[in-house]
Protein backbone atom coordinates (compact mmCIF):
# COMPACT_ATOMS: atom_id res chain seq x y z
CA UNK A 1 107.37 111.38 115.60
CA UNK A 2 106.47 113.44 112.54
CA UNK A 3 104.17 111.66 110.13
CA UNK A 4 104.87 111.56 106.41
CA UNK A 5 102.45 114.52 106.18
CA UNK A 6 103.91 117.29 108.35
CA UNK A 7 101.54 120.02 109.53
CA UNK A 8 101.44 123.59 108.22
CA UNK A 9 104.06 124.83 110.69
CA UNK A 10 106.52 122.03 109.91
CA UNK A 11 106.04 122.68 106.19
CA UNK A 12 106.85 126.36 106.77
CA UNK A 13 110.03 125.32 108.59
CA UNK A 14 110.96 123.04 105.68
CA UNK A 15 110.41 125.83 103.12
CA UNK A 16 112.59 128.24 105.09
CA UNK A 17 115.38 125.70 105.57
CA UNK A 18 115.26 124.70 101.91
CA UNK A 19 115.73 128.36 100.96
CA UNK A 20 118.53 128.85 103.50
CA UNK A 21 119.82 125.87 105.45
CA UNK A 22 121.83 128.20 107.68
CA UNK A 23 118.72 129.78 109.18
CA UNK A 24 119.05 129.65 112.96
CA UNK A 25 116.48 128.10 115.29
CA UNK A 26 115.74 131.59 116.67
CA UNK A 27 115.15 132.95 113.16
CA UNK A 28 112.89 129.99 112.37
CA UNK A 29 110.98 130.59 115.61
CA UNK A 30 110.40 134.24 114.67
CA UNK A 31 109.18 133.25 111.20
CA UNK A 32 106.70 130.58 112.33
CA UNK A 33 105.56 132.15 115.60
CA UNK A 34 106.74 129.43 117.99
CA UNK A 35 109.31 129.35 120.76
CA UNK A 36 112.88 128.39 119.87
CA UNK A 37 112.58 125.18 121.90
CA UNK A 38 109.39 124.15 120.07
CA UNK A 39 111.05 124.81 116.70
CA UNK A 40 114.21 122.94 117.72
CA UNK A 41 112.05 119.98 118.72
CA UNK A 42 110.23 120.05 115.36
CA UNK A 43 113.50 120.25 113.42
CA UNK A 44 114.90 117.33 115.43
CA UNK A 45 111.75 115.27 114.72
CA UNK A 46 111.96 116.15 111.00
CA UNK A 47 115.58 114.96 111.02
CA UNK A 48 114.74 111.75 112.92
CA UNK A 49 111.93 111.02 110.45
CA UNK A 50 114.51 111.58 107.67
CA UNK A 51 112.28 114.22 106.08
CA UNK A 52 115.34 116.42 106.56
CA UNK A 53 118.06 114.09 105.33
CA UNK A 54 121.02 116.41 105.73
CA UNK A 55 122.47 119.87 105.20
CA UNK A 56 124.81 120.94 102.42
CA UNK A 57 126.23 123.93 100.61
CA UNK A 58 124.82 124.48 97.12
CA UNK A 59 127.74 124.59 94.71
CA UNK A 60 127.62 126.40 91.38
CA UNK A 61 129.33 123.99 88.96
CA UNK A 62 129.73 126.71 86.35
CA UNK A 63 131.72 128.91 88.76
CA UNK A 64 134.04 125.94 89.37
CA UNK A 65 134.56 125.54 85.62
CA UNK A 66 132.20 122.59 85.06
CA UNK A 67 129.75 124.40 82.80
CA UNK A 68 129.05 121.58 80.36
CA UNK A 69 126.38 119.03 81.27
CA UNK A 70 125.35 116.04 79.21
CA UNK A 71 122.47 113.66 79.85
CA UNK A 72 123.52 110.11 79.04
CA UNK A 73 121.04 107.24 78.62
CA UNK A 74 122.54 103.79 79.11
CA UNK A 75 121.26 100.38 78.15
CA UNK A 76 122.98 97.38 79.71
CA UNK A 77 123.44 94.07 77.92
CA UNK A 78 121.74 92.29 80.87
CA UNK A 79 119.28 93.60 83.47
CA UNK A 80 120.12 91.19 86.30
CA UNK A 81 120.99 92.24 89.83
CA UNK A 82 124.71 91.48 89.51
CA UNK A 83 125.03 93.51 86.29
CA UNK A 84 123.18 96.45 87.84
CA UNK A 85 125.38 96.34 90.95
CA UNK A 86 128.61 96.23 88.90
CA UNK A 87 127.48 99.14 86.72
CA UNK A 88 126.44 101.21 89.74
CA UNK A 89 129.76 100.55 91.49
CA UNK A 90 131.64 101.70 88.39
CA UNK A 91 129.53 104.86 88.11
CA UNK A 92 130.19 105.83 91.74
CA UNK A 93 133.91 106.03 90.91
CA UNK A 94 133.43 108.71 88.21
CA UNK A 95 133.38 112.27 89.62
CA UNK A 96 132.03 113.46 86.26
CA UNK A 97 128.75 111.60 86.91
CA UNK A 98 126.85 113.87 89.29
CA UNK A 99 123.43 112.17 89.03
CA UNK A 100 122.52 108.61 88.14
CA UNK A 101 119.01 107.17 88.04
CA UNK A 102 117.85 103.59 87.44
CA UNK A 103 115.00 103.96 84.94
CA UNK A 104 111.99 102.17 83.56
CA UNK A 105 111.41 102.07 79.81
CA UNK A 106 113.80 101.30 76.99
CA UNK A 107 116.92 102.57 78.81
CA UNK A 108 118.30 101.26 82.10
CA UNK A 109 120.01 104.38 83.47
CA UNK A 110 119.93 108.13 83.02
CA UNK A 111 123.05 110.05 84.06
CA UNK A 112 123.98 113.69 84.20
CA UNK A 113 127.65 114.15 83.44
CA UNK A 114 129.35 117.45 84.27
CA UNK A 115 132.60 118.45 82.56
CA UNK A 116 134.55 121.56 81.55
CA UNK A 117 133.53 121.22 77.93
CA UNK A 118 132.88 118.96 74.97
CA UNK A 119 136.51 117.83 74.69
CA UNK A 120 136.60 116.72 78.33
CA UNK A 121 133.26 114.94 77.91
CA UNK A 122 134.65 113.12 74.86
CA UNK A 123 137.76 112.04 76.82
CA UNK A 124 135.54 110.77 79.64
CA UNK A 125 133.13 109.00 77.29
CA UNK A 126 135.68 107.36 74.99
CA UNK A 127 138.50 106.89 77.45
CA UNK A 128 136.64 105.62 80.50
CA UNK A 129 132.87 105.32 80.31
CA UNK A 130 132.65 103.09 77.24
CA UNK A 131 135.01 100.68 78.98
CA UNK A 132 132.51 99.93 81.78
CA UNK A 133 131.60 96.24 81.47
CA UNK A 134 128.02 95.42 80.55
CA UNK A 135 127.16 98.63 78.68
CA UNK A 136 125.31 97.71 75.48
CA UNK A 137 124.49 101.21 74.19
CA UNK A 138 124.82 104.86 75.11
CA UNK A 139 122.82 107.87 73.94
CA UNK A 140 123.91 111.40 74.83
CA UNK A 141 121.81 114.57 74.88
CA UNK A 142 123.20 118.06 75.43
CA UNK A 143 120.84 120.45 77.24
CA UNK A 144 120.52 123.96 75.85
CA UNK A 145 119.41 125.66 79.08
CA UNK A 146 117.93 124.82 82.45
CA UNK A 147 114.29 125.83 82.63
CA UNK A 148 113.63 124.89 86.26
CA UNK A 149 115.68 123.62 89.15
CA UNK A 150 114.77 122.42 92.60
CA UNK A 151 116.15 120.43 95.46
CA UNK A 152 113.06 118.57 96.59
CA UNK A 153 109.32 118.89 96.26
CA UNK A 154 107.81 119.99 99.57
CA UNK A 155 104.31 121.01 98.54
């Protein structure tokens, strides 16, 4: 089993796969100086330890026409388990909500909503989101530009 602190070679494998998840076992082996079977074993152990939790294509939302993101802070009227569960179930049904975090502090949730523009965001907000039961208040912030992006911290 891989511990929660992978060694230098496993970290190199993770960095390469994070850069390009389609890198083959043979290419990984060449990069880290191990045999293909040793690298395949390490990758399998990283997957079993759930350090590698899956593989996916990175999609450019802007190229698909969803170039308008809004961060939405939500305060619920009650912070009990049943209210949180109902809110989270409602959020999962909205394709516009691409990220949702349960927060500490004066707001209960932080969401990133992705739409085609301000008019679509308004239709989503007024027509559907404000109708979610239990929402006490909403605060929206429009980002000007992304300064940094990442998938996961690995070092």
